[in-house]
């Protein structure tokens, strides 16, 4: 069980700070593909081989998921929405007892729209397959698996693409974030 005063926002912020500190100690520079149409608030330095260095940057305004909710007649999990309302970035490398993952981040405001379009497509696919609604928030080293929140309960699952979720990892996104650590080189 966790401290009842903890929130996804505080735990995620602390995790980002720990991962950044580890990256600095290792001398790592995170790079992401540059979007020539939009500059990310997280990017810095020169573009090299179509990639740019980045560092997590706090969002002034959280991603607004109300269009997704209205369009699909769904209320998205509050912890999921809080997770995507904090940082711009290229994907946070983390380690979990089950393996490595990369927490998805929004690169810029237009990327937030793309995230929502992908989420709508994902939810429509889940419904077509008569599976429960899941909300993806991270990728794994295996392209066939992602990390998702089961919208109805808030539980976090390792989800195989196109399949009903089966492998529960945590009772909530908050609990899952508490299980994460900086990825070791």
N, C-alpha and C. Protein backbone atom coordinates (compact mmCIF):
# COMPACT_ATOMS: atom_id res chain seq x y z
N UNK A 1 0.85 -1.19 0.00
CA UNK A 1 0.00 0.00 0.00
C UNK A 1 0.88 1.23 0.00
N UNK A 2 0.36 2.34 -0.47
CA UNK A 2 1.15 3.56 -0.58
C UNK A 2 0.53 4.69 0.24
N UNK A 3 1.31 5.70 0.48
CA UNK A 3 0.89 6.89 1.21
C UNK A 3 -0.29 7.52 0.47
N UNK A 4 -1.38 7.79 1.19
CA UNK A 4 -2.59 8.31 0.54
C UNK A 4 -2.42 9.73 0.01
N UNK A 5 -1.34 10.41 0.38
CA UNK A 5 -1.12 11.77 -0.13
C UNK A 5 -0.37 11.77 -1.46
N UNK A 6 0.12 10.62 -1.87
CA UNK A 6 0.84 10.54 -3.14
C UNK A 6 -0.13 10.67 -4.31
N UNK A 7 0.32 11.33 -5.35
CA UNK A 7 -0.46 11.45 -6.58
C UNK A 7 0.42 11.00 -7.75
N UNK A 8 -0.21 10.72 -8.86
CA UNK A 8 0.54 10.39 -10.07
C UNK A 8 1.48 11.54 -10.41
N UNK A 9 1.00 12.76 -10.26
CA UNK A 9 1.82 13.93 -10.59
C UNK A 9 3.10 13.97 -9.77
N UNK A 10 3.01 13.77 -8.47
CA UNK A 10 4.21 13.86 -7.63
C UNK A 10 5.14 12.67 -7.87
N UNK A 11 4.58 11.48 -7.95
CA UNK A 11 5.41 10.28 -8.15
C UNK A 11 6.08 10.32 -9.52
N UNK A 12 5.35 10.74 -10.54
CA UNK A 12 5.92 10.81 -11.89
C UNK A 12 7.01 11.88 -11.95
N UNK A 13 6.78 13.02 -11.33
CA UNK A 13 7.80 14.08 -11.29
C UNK A 13 9.07 13.59 -10.61
N UNK A 14 8.92 12.88 -9.50
CA UNK A 14 10.08 12.34 -8.79
C UNK A 14 10.81 11.30 -9.64
N UNK A 15 10.05 10.47 -10.35
CA UNK A 15 10.66 9.47 -11.22
C UNK A 15 11.44 10.14 -12.34
N UNK A 16 10.85 11.15 -12.97
CA UNK A 16 11.54 11.88 -14.05
C UNK A 16 12.84 12.45 -13.52
N UNK A 17 12.80 13.02 -12.33
CA UNK A 17 14.01 13.60 -11.73
C UNK A 17 15.09 12.53 -11.51
N UNK A 18 14.69 11.38 -10.98
CA UNK A 18 15.65 10.28 -10.75
C UNK A 18 16.26 9.79 -12.06
N UNK A 19 15.42 9.64 -13.08
CA UNK A 19 15.91 9.15 -14.38
C UNK A 19 16.85 10.18 -15.00
N UNK A 20 16.53 11.46 -14.86
CA UNK A 20 17.41 12.52 -15.37
C UNK A 20 18.75 12.49 -14.64
N UNK A 21 18.73 12.35 -13.32
CA UNK A 21 19.97 12.31 -12.55
C UNK A 21 20.84 11.14 -12.99
N UNK A 22 20.23 9.98 -13.19
CA UNK A 22 20.98 8.80 -13.64
C UNK A 22 21.57 9.05 -15.03
N UNK A 23 20.81 9.66 -15.91
CA UNK A 23 21.30 9.96 -17.26
C UNK A 23 22.50 10.92 -17.19
N UNK A 24 22.42 11.91 -16.33
CA UNK A 24 23.53 12.86 -16.18
C UNK A 24 24.77 12.16 -15.64
N UNK A 25 24.59 11.28 -14.65
CA UNK A 25 25.73 10.53 -14.10
C UNK A 25 26.38 9.65 -15.17
N UNK A 26 25.56 9.08 -16.04
CA UNK A 26 26.06 8.21 -17.10
C UNK A 26 26.59 8.99 -18.30
N UNK A 27 26.34 10.29 -18.33
CA UNK A 27 26.72 11.09 -19.49
C UNK A 27 25.85 10.84 -20.70
N UNK A 28 24.63 10.33 -20.46
CA UNK A 28 23.71 10.03 -21.56
C UNK A 28 23.09 11.31 -22.11
N UNK A 29 22.93 11.35 -23.41
CA UNK A 29 22.17 12.40 -24.06
C UNK A 29 21.01 11.72 -24.78
N UNK A 30 19.79 12.05 -24.38
CA UNK A 30 18.63 11.45 -25.00
C UNK A 30 18.38 12.14 -26.33
N UNK A 31 18.06 11.33 -27.35
CA UNK A 31 17.82 11.88 -28.68
C UNK A 31 16.48 11.35 -29.20
N UNK A 32 15.84 12.17 -30.00
CA UNK A 32 14.58 11.79 -30.62
C UNK A 32 14.57 12.29 -32.05
N UNK A 33 13.76 11.66 -32.87
CA UNK A 33 13.62 12.13 -34.25
C UNK A 33 13.01 13.52 -34.22
N UNK A 34 13.56 14.39 -35.01
CA UNK A 34 13.08 15.77 -35.06
C UNK A 34 11.79 15.82 -35.89
N UNK A 35 10.89 16.68 -35.51
CA UNK A 35 9.68 16.94 -36.28
C UNK A 35 9.90 18.26 -36.99
N UNK A 36 10.15 18.22 -38.30
CA UNK A 36 10.48 19.47 -39.00
C UNK A 36 9.34 20.49 -38.99
N UNK A 37 8.11 20.03 -38.78
CA UNK A 37 6.96 20.94 -38.78
C UNK A 37 6.73 21.62 -37.43
N UNK A 38 7.24 21.02 -36.35
CA UNK A 38 6.97 21.55 -35.01
C UNK A 38 8.20 21.40 -34.12
N UNK A 39 8.56 22.46 -33.47
CA UNK A 39 9.65 22.40 -32.49
C UNK A 39 9.05 21.96 -31.16
N UNK A 40 9.73 21.04 -30.49
CA UNK A 40 9.29 20.59 -29.18
C UNK A 40 9.86 21.49 -28.09
N UNK A 41 9.06 21.80 -27.08
CA UNK A 41 9.60 22.54 -25.94
C UNK A 41 10.71 21.77 -25.22
N UNK A 42 10.78 20.45 -25.47
CA UNK A 42 11.77 19.60 -24.80
C UNK A 42 13.10 19.53 -25.54
N UNK A 43 13.14 19.92 -26.80
CA UNK A 43 14.37 19.74 -27.58
C UNK A 43 15.35 20.88 -27.35
N UNK A 44 16.63 20.54 -27.54
CA UNK A 44 17.67 21.56 -27.44
C UNK A 44 18.83 21.18 -28.37
N UNK A 45 19.64 22.15 -28.69
CA UNK A 45 20.82 21.88 -29.51
C UNK A 45 20.49 21.74 -30.98
N UNK A 46 21.51 21.33 -31.72
CA UNK A 46 21.40 21.22 -33.17
C UNK A 46 20.81 19.87 -33.59
N UNK A 47 20.20 19.87 -34.76
CA UNK A 47 19.70 18.64 -35.36
C UNK A 47 20.89 17.92 -36.01
N UNK A 48 21.08 16.65 -35.64
CA UNK A 48 22.16 15.84 -36.19
C UNK A 48 21.54 14.54 -36.69
N UNK A 49 21.72 14.26 -37.99
CA UNK A 49 21.16 13.05 -38.59
C UNK A 49 19.66 12.92 -38.31
N UNK A 50 18.94 14.01 -38.46
CA UNK A 50 17.49 14.07 -38.25
C UNK A 50 17.07 13.78 -36.82
N UNK A 51 18.00 13.89 -35.88
CA UNK A 51 17.69 13.70 -34.47
C UNK A 51 18.10 14.94 -33.69
N UNK A 52 17.43 15.12 -32.56
CA UNK A 52 17.72 16.26 -31.71
C UNK A 52 17.77 15.79 -30.25
N UNK A 53 18.62 16.43 -29.46
CA UNK A 53 18.69 16.11 -28.04
C UNK A 53 17.44 16.68 -27.35
N UNK A 54 17.03 16.02 -26.28
CA UNK A 54 15.86 16.50 -25.55
C UNK A 54 16.02 16.24 -24.06
N UNK A 55 15.24 16.95 -23.29
CA UNK A 55 15.17 16.82 -21.84
C UNK A 55 13.73 17.08 -21.45
N UNK A 56 13.16 16.33 -20.50
CA UNK A 56 11.76 16.57 -20.14
C UNK A 56 11.51 18.03 -19.79
N UNK A 57 10.38 18.52 -20.24
CA UNK A 57 9.99 19.91 -20.05
C UNK A 57 8.56 19.93 -19.52
N UNK A 58 8.33 20.66 -18.45
CA UNK A 58 7.00 20.72 -17.83
C UNK A 58 6.01 21.41 -18.78
N UNK A 59 4.84 20.82 -18.90
CA UNK A 59 3.77 21.40 -19.72
C UNK A 59 3.10 22.55 -18.97
N UNK A 60 2.79 23.60 -19.69
CA UNK A 60 2.04 24.71 -19.09
C UNK A 60 0.56 24.33 -18.98
N UNK A 61 0.07 23.61 -19.98
CA UNK A 61 -1.34 23.20 -20.02
C UNK A 61 -1.41 21.70 -20.28
N UNK A 62 -2.09 20.95 -19.42
CA UNK A 62 -2.19 19.50 -19.63
C UNK A 62 -2.93 19.16 -20.92
N UNK A 63 -2.69 17.96 -21.42
CA UNK A 63 -3.42 17.46 -22.59
C UNK A 63 -4.90 17.39 -22.22
N UNK A 64 -5.74 17.87 -23.12
CA UNK A 64 -7.19 17.88 -22.92
C UNK A 64 -7.78 16.68 -23.66
N UNK A 65 -8.26 15.70 -22.91
CA UNK A 65 -8.81 14.49 -23.50
C UNK A 65 -10.33 14.55 -23.66
N UNK A 66 -10.94 15.71 -23.46
CA UNK A 66 -12.41 15.81 -23.49
C UNK A 66 -12.99 15.42 -24.85
N UNK A 67 -12.28 15.70 -25.94
CA UNK A 67 -12.77 15.30 -27.26
C UNK A 67 -12.84 13.79 -27.41
N UNK A 68 -11.83 13.09 -26.90
CA UNK A 68 -11.84 11.62 -26.93
C UNK A 68 -13.01 11.12 -26.10
N UNK A 69 -13.18 11.70 -24.92
CA UNK A 69 -14.25 11.25 -24.02
C UNK A 69 -15.63 11.47 -24.64
N UNK A 70 -15.85 12.64 -25.23
CA UNK A 70 -17.14 12.92 -25.87
C UNK A 70 -17.34 12.02 -27.09
N UNK A 71 -16.31 11.92 -27.92
CA UNK A 71 -16.42 11.17 -29.17
C UNK A 71 -16.69 9.69 -28.97
N UNK A 72 -16.16 9.12 -27.91
CA UNK A 72 -16.32 7.69 -27.66
C UNK A 72 -17.26 7.40 -26.49
N UNK A 73 -17.87 8.45 -25.95
CA UNK A 73 -18.77 8.30 -24.80
C UNK A 73 -18.11 7.47 -23.69
N UNK A 74 -16.98 7.99 -23.23
CA UNK A 74 -16.17 7.31 -22.23
C UNK A 74 -15.59 8.35 -21.28
N UNK A 75 -15.39 7.97 -20.05
CA UNK A 75 -14.63 8.80 -19.11
C UNK A 75 -13.29 8.12 -18.92
N UNK A 76 -12.22 8.79 -19.34
CA UNK A 76 -10.89 8.20 -19.23
C UNK A 76 -10.42 8.22 -17.78
N UNK A 77 -9.66 7.21 -17.42
CA UNK A 77 -9.10 7.08 -16.09
C UNK A 77 -8.36 8.36 -15.70
N UNK A 78 -8.65 8.87 -14.51
CA UNK A 78 -8.08 10.14 -14.05
C UNK A 78 -6.56 10.08 -13.92
N UNK A 79 -6.02 8.96 -13.45
CA UNK A 79 -4.56 8.85 -13.32
C UNK A 79 -3.89 8.85 -14.69
N UNK A 80 -4.52 8.23 -15.68
CA UNK A 80 -4.00 8.24 -17.05
C UNK A 80 -3.93 9.67 -17.57
N UNK A 81 -5.00 10.42 -17.38
CA UNK A 81 -5.02 11.81 -17.86
C UNK A 81 -3.98 12.64 -17.13
N UNK A 82 -3.81 12.41 -15.84
CA UNK A 82 -2.81 13.15 -15.07
C UNK A 82 -1.40 12.82 -15.58
N UNK A 83 -1.16 11.57 -15.91
CA UNK A 83 0.14 11.13 -16.41
C UNK A 83 0.53 11.91 -17.67
N UNK A 84 -0.40 12.05 -18.60
CA UNK A 84 -0.10 12.74 -19.86
C UNK A 84 -0.21 14.26 -19.76
N UNK A 85 -0.45 14.77 -18.58
CA UNK A 85 -0.61 16.21 -18.43
C UNK A 85 0.58 16.90 -17.82
N UNK A 86 1.73 16.26 -17.81
CA UNK A 86 2.86 16.81 -17.07
C UNK A 86 4.05 17.25 -17.89
N UNK A 87 4.53 16.40 -18.80
CA UNK A 87 5.82 16.66 -19.45
C UNK A 87 5.76 16.51 -20.96
N UNK A 88 6.51 17.37 -21.62
CA UNK A 88 6.86 17.16 -23.02
C UNK A 88 8.16 16.34 -23.01
N UNK A 89 8.32 15.49 -24.00
CA UNK A 89 9.56 14.74 -24.09
C UNK A 89 9.48 13.69 -25.18
N UNK A 90 10.55 12.91 -25.27
CA UNK A 90 10.65 11.92 -26.32
C UNK A 90 10.41 10.50 -25.88
N UNK A 91 10.14 10.26 -24.64
CA UNK A 91 9.93 8.91 -24.11
C UNK A 91 10.93 8.63 -23.01
N UNK A 92 10.47 8.36 -21.81
CA UNK A 92 11.34 8.22 -20.64
C UNK A 92 11.78 6.77 -20.46
N UNK A 93 13.10 6.50 -20.54
CA UNK A 93 13.59 5.13 -20.38
C UNK A 93 13.59 4.72 -18.90
N UNK A 94 12.86 3.64 -18.60
CA UNK A 94 12.75 3.17 -17.21
C UNK A 94 12.94 1.66 -17.15
N UNK A 95 13.10 1.19 -15.92
CA UNK A 95 13.24 -0.23 -15.66
C UNK A 95 12.15 -0.66 -14.68
N UNK A 96 11.58 -1.82 -14.94
CA UNK A 96 10.56 -2.42 -14.08
C UNK A 96 11.05 -3.83 -13.75
N UNK A 97 10.65 -4.40 -12.64
CA UNK A 97 11.09 -5.77 -12.34
C UNK A 97 10.83 -6.77 -13.47
N UNK A 98 9.85 -6.50 -14.33
CA UNK A 98 9.54 -7.40 -15.46
C UNK A 98 10.35 -7.07 -16.71
N UNK A 99 11.06 -5.92 -16.72
CA UNK A 99 11.85 -5.56 -17.90
C UNK A 99 11.85 -4.06 -18.15
N UNK A 100 12.53 -3.68 -19.23
CA UNK A 100 12.63 -2.26 -19.58
C UNK A 100 11.38 -1.77 -20.29
N UNK A 101 11.14 -0.47 -20.15
CA UNK A 101 10.01 0.17 -20.82
C UNK A 101 10.39 1.61 -21.14
N UNK A 102 9.59 2.21 -21.98
CA UNK A 102 9.74 3.63 -22.28
C UNK A 102 8.38 4.28 -22.09
N UNK A 103 8.29 5.17 -21.10
CA UNK A 103 7.04 5.86 -20.84
C UNK A 103 6.82 6.89 -21.94
N UNK A 104 5.66 6.83 -22.56
CA UNK A 104 5.36 7.74 -23.66
C UNK A 104 5.20 9.16 -23.14
N UNK A 105 5.66 10.10 -23.93
CA UNK A 105 5.52 11.52 -23.61
C UNK A 105 5.07 12.24 -24.88
N UNK A 106 4.42 13.35 -24.70
CA UNK A 106 3.99 14.17 -25.82
C UNK A 106 5.16 15.06 -26.24
N UNK A 107 5.47 15.09 -27.53
CA UNK A 107 6.61 15.85 -28.04
C UNK A 107 6.29 17.35 -28.15
N UNK A 108 5.08 17.66 -28.56
CA UNK A 108 4.60 19.05 -28.68
C UNK A 108 3.08 18.99 -28.73
N UNK A 109 2.43 20.15 -28.79
CA UNK A 109 0.96 20.18 -28.74
C UNK A 109 0.30 19.41 -29.89
N UNK A 110 0.85 19.49 -31.08
CA UNK A 110 0.28 18.73 -32.20
C UNK A 110 0.44 17.23 -31.99
N UNK A 111 1.50 16.83 -31.29
CA UNK A 111 1.70 15.43 -30.96
C UNK A 111 0.63 14.95 -29.99
N UNK A 112 0.14 15.84 -29.15
CA UNK A 112 -0.95 15.50 -28.23
C UNK A 112 -2.20 15.12 -29.04
N UNK A 113 -2.43 15.83 -30.13
CA UNK A 113 -3.56 15.49 -31.01
C UNK A 113 -3.35 14.11 -31.64
N UNK A 114 -2.13 13.82 -32.05
CA UNK A 114 -1.81 12.51 -32.64
C UNK A 114 -2.01 11.40 -31.61
N UNK A 115 -1.57 11.65 -30.38
CA UNK A 115 -1.77 10.68 -29.30
C UNK A 115 -3.26 10.37 -29.15
N UNK A 116 -4.08 11.41 -29.15
CA UNK A 116 -5.52 11.21 -28.99
C UNK A 116 -6.12 10.44 -30.17
N UNK A 117 -5.66 10.73 -31.38
CA UNK A 117 -6.14 9.99 -32.55
C UNK A 117 -5.75 8.51 -32.45
N UNK A 118 -4.52 8.25 -32.01
CA UNK A 118 -4.08 6.86 -31.84
C UNK A 118 -4.86 6.17 -30.74
N UNK A 119 -5.17 6.90 -29.68
CA UNK A 119 -5.95 6.35 -28.58
C UNK A 119 -7.36 6.00 -29.05
N UNK A 120 -7.96 6.89 -29.83
CA UNK A 120 -9.30 6.61 -30.39
C UNK A 120 -9.26 5.35 -31.24
N UNK A 121 -8.27 5.24 -32.12
CA UNK A 121 -8.14 4.06 -32.98
C UNK A 121 -7.95 2.80 -32.14
N UNK A 122 -7.14 2.90 -31.10
CA UNK A 122 -6.90 1.76 -30.21
C UNK A 122 -8.20 1.33 -29.52
N UNK A 123 -8.94 2.30 -28.98
CA UNK A 123 -10.18 1.98 -28.28
C UNK A 123 -11.23 1.41 -29.24
N UNK A 124 -11.29 1.92 -30.45
CA UNK A 124 -12.23 1.39 -31.43
C UNK A 124 -11.87 -0.05 -31.79
N UNK A 125 -10.55 -0.34 -31.91
CA UNK A 125 -10.12 -1.71 -32.19
C UNK A 125 -10.51 -2.63 -31.03
N UNK A 126 -10.27 -2.17 -29.80
CA UNK A 126 -10.60 -3.00 -28.63
C UNK A 126 -12.10 -3.32 -28.63
N UNK A 127 -12.92 -2.32 -28.95
CA UNK A 127 -14.36 -2.53 -28.96
C UNK A 127 -14.78 -3.46 -30.10
N UNK A 128 -14.15 -3.33 -31.25
CA UNK A 128 -14.46 -4.21 -32.38
C UNK A 128 -14.12 -5.66 -32.03
N UNK A 129 -13.04 -5.84 -31.27
CA UNK A 129 -12.63 -7.18 -30.84
C UNK A 129 -13.40 -7.66 -29.61
N UNK A 130 -14.33 -6.82 -29.13
CA UNK A 130 -15.14 -7.12 -27.94
C UNK A 130 -14.26 -7.35 -26.71
N UNK A 131 -13.24 -6.48 -26.59
CA UNK A 131 -12.33 -6.52 -25.45
C UNK A 131 -12.54 -5.27 -24.60
N UNK A 132 -12.09 -5.34 -23.36
CA UNK A 132 -12.23 -4.20 -22.46
C UNK A 132 -11.35 -3.04 -22.92
N UNK A 133 -11.80 -1.81 -22.60
CA UNK A 133 -11.08 -0.60 -22.99
C UNK A 133 -9.77 -0.46 -22.21
N UNK A 134 -8.67 -0.33 -22.95
CA UNK A 134 -7.37 -0.08 -22.33
C UNK A 134 -6.78 1.21 -22.90
N UNK A 135 -5.92 1.83 -22.10
CA UNK A 135 -5.28 3.09 -22.46
C UNK A 135 -3.78 2.90 -22.39
N UNK A 136 -3.11 2.88 -23.54
CA UNK A 136 -1.67 2.63 -23.56
C UNK A 136 -0.90 3.86 -23.07
N UNK A 137 0.21 3.60 -22.36
CA UNK A 137 1.03 4.71 -21.87
C UNK A 137 2.53 4.43 -21.97
N UNK A 138 2.91 3.23 -22.39
CA UNK A 138 4.34 2.90 -22.48
C UNK A 138 4.54 1.77 -23.48
N UNK A 139 5.76 1.73 -24.01
CA UNK A 139 6.16 0.63 -24.89
C UNK A 139 7.20 -0.21 -24.15
N UNK A 140 7.37 -1.43 -24.62
CA UNK A 140 8.35 -2.33 -24.02
C UNK A 140 9.41 -2.68 -25.07
N UNK A 141 10.40 -3.46 -24.65
CA UNK A 141 11.44 -3.89 -25.59
C UNK A 141 10.89 -4.85 -26.64
N UNK A 142 9.74 -5.46 -26.36
CA UNK A 142 9.09 -6.38 -27.29
C UNK A 142 7.97 -5.62 -28.01
N UNK A 143 8.09 -5.47 -29.32
CA UNK A 143 7.12 -4.69 -30.10
C UNK A 143 5.69 -5.22 -30.00
N UNK A 144 5.51 -6.46 -29.58
CA UNK A 144 4.18 -7.05 -29.48
C UNK A 144 3.48 -6.71 -28.17
N UNK A 145 4.18 -6.02 -27.27
CA UNK A 145 3.61 -5.72 -25.96
C UNK A 145 3.73 -4.24 -25.63
N UNK A 146 2.73 -3.74 -24.92
CA UNK A 146 2.75 -2.37 -24.41
C UNK A 146 2.21 -2.40 -22.99
N UNK A 147 2.34 -1.28 -22.32
CA UNK A 147 1.80 -1.15 -20.98
C UNK A 147 0.55 -0.29 -21.06
N UNK A 148 -0.52 -0.77 -20.43
CA UNK A 148 -1.81 -0.10 -20.55
C UNK A 148 -2.53 -0.06 -19.22
N UNK A 149 -3.40 0.94 -19.10
CA UNK A 149 -4.31 1.06 -17.97
C UNK A 149 -5.65 0.48 -18.42
N UNK A 150 -6.19 -0.43 -17.63
CA UNK A 150 -7.54 -0.92 -17.89
C UNK A 150 -8.48 0.18 -17.42
N UNK A 151 -9.17 0.80 -18.35
CA UNK A 151 -9.90 2.02 -18.03
C UNK A 151 -10.95 1.82 -16.93
N UNK A 152 -11.62 0.68 -16.92
CA UNK A 152 -12.71 0.46 -15.96
C UNK A 152 -12.24 0.33 -14.52
N UNK A 153 -10.99 -0.12 -14.32
CA UNK A 153 -10.50 -0.35 -12.95
C UNK A 153 -9.29 0.50 -12.58
N UNK A 154 -8.55 0.98 -13.58
CA UNK A 154 -7.31 1.71 -13.32
C UNK A 154 -6.10 0.81 -13.17
N UNK A 155 -6.29 -0.50 -13.25
CA UNK A 155 -5.17 -1.44 -13.11
C UNK A 155 -4.24 -1.34 -14.32
N UNK A 156 -2.95 -1.63 -14.08
CA UNK A 156 -1.96 -1.59 -15.15
C UNK A 156 -1.65 -3.02 -15.59
N UNK A 157 -1.65 -3.20 -16.91
CA UNK A 157 -1.40 -4.52 -17.50
C UNK A 157 -0.30 -4.45 -18.54
N UNK A 158 0.39 -5.58 -18.69
CA UNK A 158 1.25 -5.82 -19.84
C UNK A 158 0.29 -6.34 -20.91
N UNK A 159 0.11 -5.56 -21.98
CA UNK A 159 -0.90 -5.88 -22.98
C UNK A 159 -0.25 -6.34 -24.28
N UNK A 160 -0.65 -7.52 -24.73
CA UNK A 160 -0.22 -7.98 -26.04
C UNK A 160 -1.15 -7.37 -27.08
N UNK A 161 -0.56 -6.81 -28.13
CA UNK A 161 -1.34 -6.13 -29.16
C UNK A 161 -2.42 -7.06 -29.71
N UNK A 162 -3.66 -6.57 -29.73
CA UNK A 162 -4.77 -7.31 -30.30
C UNK A 162 -5.39 -8.35 -29.38
N UNK A 163 -4.89 -8.46 -28.16
CA UNK A 163 -5.38 -9.48 -27.22
C UNK A 163 -6.03 -8.83 -26.00
N UNK A 164 -6.90 -9.57 -25.35
CA UNK A 164 -7.47 -9.12 -24.08
C UNK A 164 -6.34 -9.12 -23.04
N UNK A 165 -6.35 -8.12 -22.17
CA UNK A 165 -5.29 -8.04 -21.15
C UNK A 165 -5.42 -9.19 -20.16
N UNK A 166 -4.25 -9.71 -19.72
CA UNK A 166 -4.23 -10.84 -18.79
C UNK A 166 -3.19 -10.66 -17.69
N UNK A 167 -2.05 -10.04 -18.01
CA UNK A 167 -0.94 -9.98 -17.06
C UNK A 167 -0.96 -8.66 -16.29
N UNK A 168 -1.60 -8.69 -15.13
CA UNK A 168 -1.70 -7.49 -14.30
C UNK A 168 -0.37 -7.22 -13.61
N UNK A 169 0.07 -5.95 -13.66
CA UNK A 169 1.33 -5.55 -13.04
C UNK A 169 1.14 -4.70 -11.79
N UNK A 170 0.01 -4.00 -11.71
CA UNK A 170 -0.23 -3.12 -10.56
C UNK A 170 -1.71 -2.80 -10.47
N UNK A 171 -2.15 -2.44 -9.28
CA UNK A 171 -3.55 -2.08 -9.06
C UNK A 171 -3.91 -0.70 -9.59
N UNK A 172 -2.89 0.13 -9.85
CA UNK A 172 -3.14 1.49 -10.35
C UNK A 172 -1.88 2.00 -11.05
N UNK A 173 -2.04 3.06 -11.81
CA UNK A 173 -0.89 3.68 -12.46
C UNK A 173 0.06 4.24 -11.41
N UNK A 174 -0.49 4.80 -10.36
CA UNK A 174 0.34 5.31 -9.26
C UNK A 174 1.20 4.19 -8.69
N UNK A 175 0.59 3.06 -8.38
CA UNK A 175 1.33 1.92 -7.83
C UNK A 175 2.39 1.44 -8.82
N UNK A 176 2.06 1.43 -10.10
CA UNK A 176 3.02 1.00 -11.12
C UNK A 176 4.22 1.95 -11.17
N UNK A 177 3.96 3.25 -11.17
CA UNK A 177 5.06 4.23 -11.22
C UNK A 177 6.01 4.06 -10.04
N UNK A 178 5.47 3.67 -8.89
CA UNK A 178 6.30 3.44 -7.71
C UNK A 178 7.22 2.23 -7.88
N UNK A 179 6.90 1.34 -8.81
CA UNK A 179 7.72 0.15 -9.07
C UNK A 179 8.87 0.42 -10.04
N UNK A 180 8.90 1.61 -10.63
CA UNK A 180 9.88 1.91 -11.68
C UNK A 180 11.15 2.52 -11.12
N UNK A 181 12.22 2.35 -11.88
CA UNK A 181 13.52 2.92 -11.53
C UNK A 181 14.20 3.37 -12.82
N UNK A 182 15.25 4.18 -12.70
CA UNK A 182 16.01 4.54 -13.90
C UNK A 182 16.57 3.28 -14.55
N UNK A 183 16.61 3.27 -15.86
CA UNK A 183 17.16 2.15 -16.60
C UNK A 183 18.67 2.16 -16.44
N UNK A 184 19.24 1.01 -16.16
CA UNK A 184 20.69 0.90 -16.00
C UNK A 184 21.33 0.62 -17.35
N UNK A 185 22.50 1.20 -17.55
CA UNK A 185 23.21 1.03 -18.83
C UNK A 185 23.70 -0.39 -19.01
